[in-house]
Protein backbone atom coordinates (compact mmCIF):
# COMPACT_ATOMS: atom_id res chain seq x y z
CA MET A 1 4.80 -20.66 7.60
CA THR A 2 5.96 -18.58 10.58
CA LEU A 3 5.65 -14.88 9.89
CA SER A 4 8.76 -12.90 10.80
CA SER A 5 8.18 -9.65 12.68
CA VAL A 6 10.56 -7.87 10.25
CA ILE A 7 8.92 -6.72 7.03
CA ASP A 8 11.85 -4.61 5.86
CA ASP A 9 15.02 -3.48 7.64
CA LEU A 10 16.67 -2.40 4.35
CA SER A 11 19.19 -5.25 4.51
CA GLY A 12 18.14 -6.47 1.05
CA ARG A 13 18.90 -5.11 -2.39
CA PHE A 14 16.42 -2.29 -3.03
CA PRO A 15 13.66 -2.42 -4.18
CA GLU A 16 13.52 -5.93 -2.68
CA ALA A 17 12.38 -5.89 0.95
CA THR A 18 13.56 -8.21 3.71
CA ASN A 19 10.35 -10.23 3.28
CA GLY A 20 11.28 -10.97 -0.37
CA ALA A 21 8.61 -8.75 -1.97
CA ARG A 22 9.41 -5.58 -3.92
CA TRP A 23 8.62 -1.97 -3.08
CA GLU A 24 6.81 -0.08 -5.82
CA LEU A 25 5.75 3.50 -6.44
CA LEU A 26 2.05 4.06 -7.10
CA SER A 27 0.36 7.31 -8.03
CA ASP A 28 -2.96 8.67 -9.21
CA ARG A 29 -1.60 8.60 -12.77
CA VAL A 30 -3.05 5.09 -13.10
CA MET A 31 -6.48 6.77 -13.12
CA GLY A 32 -5.66 9.97 -15.00
CA GLY A 33 -4.29 12.11 -12.17
CA VAL A 34 -1.13 14.18 -12.44
CA SER A 35 0.60 13.63 -9.08
CA ALA A 36 4.28 12.81 -9.53
CA GLY A 37 6.66 11.01 -7.22
CA ARG A 38 9.85 9.06 -6.97
CA LEU A 39 11.02 6.24 -4.74
CA SER A 40 14.69 5.86 -3.86
CA LEU A 41 17.06 4.29 -1.38
CA GLU A 42 19.35 6.94 0.12
CA PRO A 43 20.84 8.21 3.37
CA VAL A 44 18.49 10.49 5.31
CA ALA A 45 19.64 12.15 8.53
CA GLY A 46 22.23 9.45 9.24
CA ARG A 47 20.20 6.38 8.26
CA MET A 48 19.62 4.49 5.03
CA ALA A 49 16.00 4.90 4.07
CA ILE A 50 13.43 4.31 1.39
CA ARG A 51 12.37 7.81 0.45
CA LEU A 52 9.09 8.81 -1.15
CA GLN A 53 9.19 12.30 -2.60
CA GLY A 54 6.87 14.13 -4.92
CA ASP A 55 4.02 16.50 -5.51
CA VAL A 56 0.47 15.47 -4.75
CA SER A 57 -2.02 17.20 -7.04
CA LEU A 58 -5.81 17.15 -6.93
CA GLU A 59 -6.07 17.96 -10.65
CA ASN A 60 -7.93 15.46 -12.89
CA ASN A 61 -9.54 13.85 -9.81
CA GLY A 62 -6.13 12.75 -8.53
CA GLY A 63 -4.51 13.10 -5.18
CA PHE A 64 -1.98 10.47 -4.11
CA ILE A 65 1.50 9.02 -4.28
CA GLN A 66 2.41 5.90 -2.33
CA MET A 67 5.16 3.37 -1.67
CA ALA A 68 3.54 -0.07 -1.55
CA LEU A 69 4.67 -3.57 -0.63
CA ASP A 70 3.01 -6.99 -0.70
CA LEU A 71 3.43 -8.88 2.57
CA ASP A 72 3.72 -12.19 0.72
CA PRO A 73 6.20 -12.17 -2.19
CA MET A 74 3.76 -14.38 -4.14
CA GLY A 75 0.90 -11.88 -3.68
CA GLY A 76 -1.15 -13.92 -1.23
CA SER A 77 -2.35 -12.85 2.18
CA VAL A 78 -0.56 -13.43 5.47
CA ASP A 79 -1.89 -14.18 8.93
CA CYS A 80 -0.86 -11.32 11.23
CA ARG A 81 -3.14 -12.25 14.15
CA GLY A 82 -0.10 -12.99 16.33
CA TYR A 83 0.83 -9.29 16.27
CA GLU A 84 -0.79 -6.13 17.62
CA GLY A 85 0.12 -3.84 14.73
CA LEU A 86 2.89 -2.25 12.70
CA GLU A 87 5.92 -0.30 13.85
CA ILE A 88 7.56 2.16 11.47
CA ALA A 89 10.75 4.22 11.77
CA VAL A 90 10.09 7.42 9.79
CA SER A 91 11.25 10.95 9.22
CA GLY A 92 9.96 13.57 6.87
CA ASN A 93 8.84 17.11 6.38
CA GLY A 94 6.40 17.28 9.31
CA GLU A 95 3.38 16.47 7.14
CA THR A 96 0.66 13.91 7.82
CA TYR A 97 0.84 10.65 5.86
CA GLY A 98 -1.13 7.43 5.93
CA LEU A 99 -0.39 3.76 6.33
CA HIS A 100 -2.95 1.78 4.34
CA LEU A 101 -3.59 -1.94 4.60
CA ARG A 102 -5.39 -4.13 2.10
CA THR A 103 -6.75 -7.55 2.91
CA ALA A 104 -7.76 -10.45 0.69
CA ASP A 105 -11.38 -9.41 1.43
CA LEU A 106 -11.14 -6.14 -0.54
CA GLY A 107 -11.80 -6.21 -4.26
CA ARG A 108 -11.63 -2.54 -5.28
CA PRO A 109 -8.35 -0.59 -5.51
CA TRP A 110 -9.76 2.36 -3.54
CA GLN A 111 -10.72 0.20 -0.54
CA SER A 112 -8.35 -0.07 2.43
CA TYR A 113 -7.92 0.24 6.16
CA ARG A 114 -6.10 3.43 7.13
CA GLN A 115 -4.26 5.10 9.95
CA ALA A 116 -2.64 8.54 9.79
CA PHE A 117 0.74 9.49 11.25
CA SER A 118 3.06 12.51 11.19
CA ALA A 119 6.58 12.25 9.80
CA PRO A 120 8.76 14.59 11.86
CA PRO A 121 12.12 15.95 10.68
CA ASP A 122 13.94 13.80 13.27
CA TRP A 123 13.69 10.01 13.12
CA GLU A 124 10.84 8.61 15.17
CA THR A 125 9.52 5.09 15.71
CA ILE A 126 5.73 4.99 15.61
CA ARG A 127 3.45 2.12 16.54
CA LEU A 128 0.19 1.76 14.63
CA PRO A 129 -2.10 -0.80 16.32
CA PHE A 130 -4.36 -2.88 14.09
CA ALA A 131 -7.29 -1.91 16.34
CA LYS A 132 -6.97 1.73 15.23
CA PHE A 133 -7.06 1.17 11.46
CA LEU A 134 -10.25 2.61 10.01
CA PRO A 135 -12.10 1.18 7.00
CA HIS A 136 -12.05 3.36 3.88
CA ARG A 137 -14.84 2.90 1.34
CA THR A 138 -15.71 -0.58 2.61
CA ASP A 139 -18.11 -2.14 5.11
CA VAL A 140 -15.96 -5.26 5.40
CA GLU A 141 -14.55 -5.72 8.88
CA PHE A 142 -10.75 -5.58 9.12
CA ALA A 143 -9.25 -9.10 9.26
CA PRO A 144 -5.60 -9.17 10.48
CA GLY A 145 -5.48 -12.82 9.46
CA ARG A 146 -5.83 -11.87 5.77
CA ILE A 147 -3.49 -8.89 5.17
CA ARG A 148 -2.14 -8.80 1.65
CA ARG A 149 -0.51 -5.39 1.08
CA LEU A 150 0.59 -2.24 2.83
CA GLY A 151 1.23 1.25 1.54
CA LEU A 152 2.68 4.42 3.02
CA GLY A 153 1.70 7.55 1.25
CA ALA A 154 0.54 11.06 0.75
CA ILE A 155 -3.12 11.37 -0.15
CA GLY A 156 -6.11 13.65 -0.33
CA ARG A 157 -4.62 17.14 -0.50
CA ALA A 158 -2.17 19.05 -2.65
CA PHE A 159 1.28 19.25 -1.04
CA ARG A 160 4.96 18.40 -1.42
CA ALA A 161 5.58 14.93 0.05
CA ASP A 162 8.87 13.85 1.59
CA LEU A 163 8.65 10.67 3.66
CA ALA A 164 11.59 8.44 4.65
CA LEU A 165 11.24 4.91 6.06
CA SER A 166 14.20 3.10 7.64
CA ALA A 167 12.37 0.03 8.99
CA ILE A 168 8.94 -1.54 9.19
CA ARG A 169 7.97 -4.52 11.32
CA PHE A 170 5.13 -6.11 13.22
CA PHE A 171 4.93 -5.68 16.98
């Protein structure tokens, strides 16, 4: 299977992405936290966007909200070795967010490979090279040939999240 560079350009019927998988909202509530968020498709500063909004709380050992997407609609991994990284078109409230990748090599939900980015009030396209993703709570080396899932989110500190995504693709 040839992997398209487009992961989601919002041409599908939300929450379905261009790649055929579905966007979903995740939060720390799955482990007893109290962070609350919502995921919607709406116009933001002149563009249609998937928008993640909510309050991140550290109460009850919580601390995250995230919009997540499998790269393979069937839940398998995909070979992304033909690309250098991910390109995202984002806007937001000026806060720092994270793009997290999970590979087929990770077995625990808290394990990932992460890269931080800022979401400015004006739309910006940001490139996040695979070489700059850092392992989080794993010693397993990052394998771009086995990426299964990605997530964009607010994590690790209490704040009001407002992140809009109008496109995501490989570069």
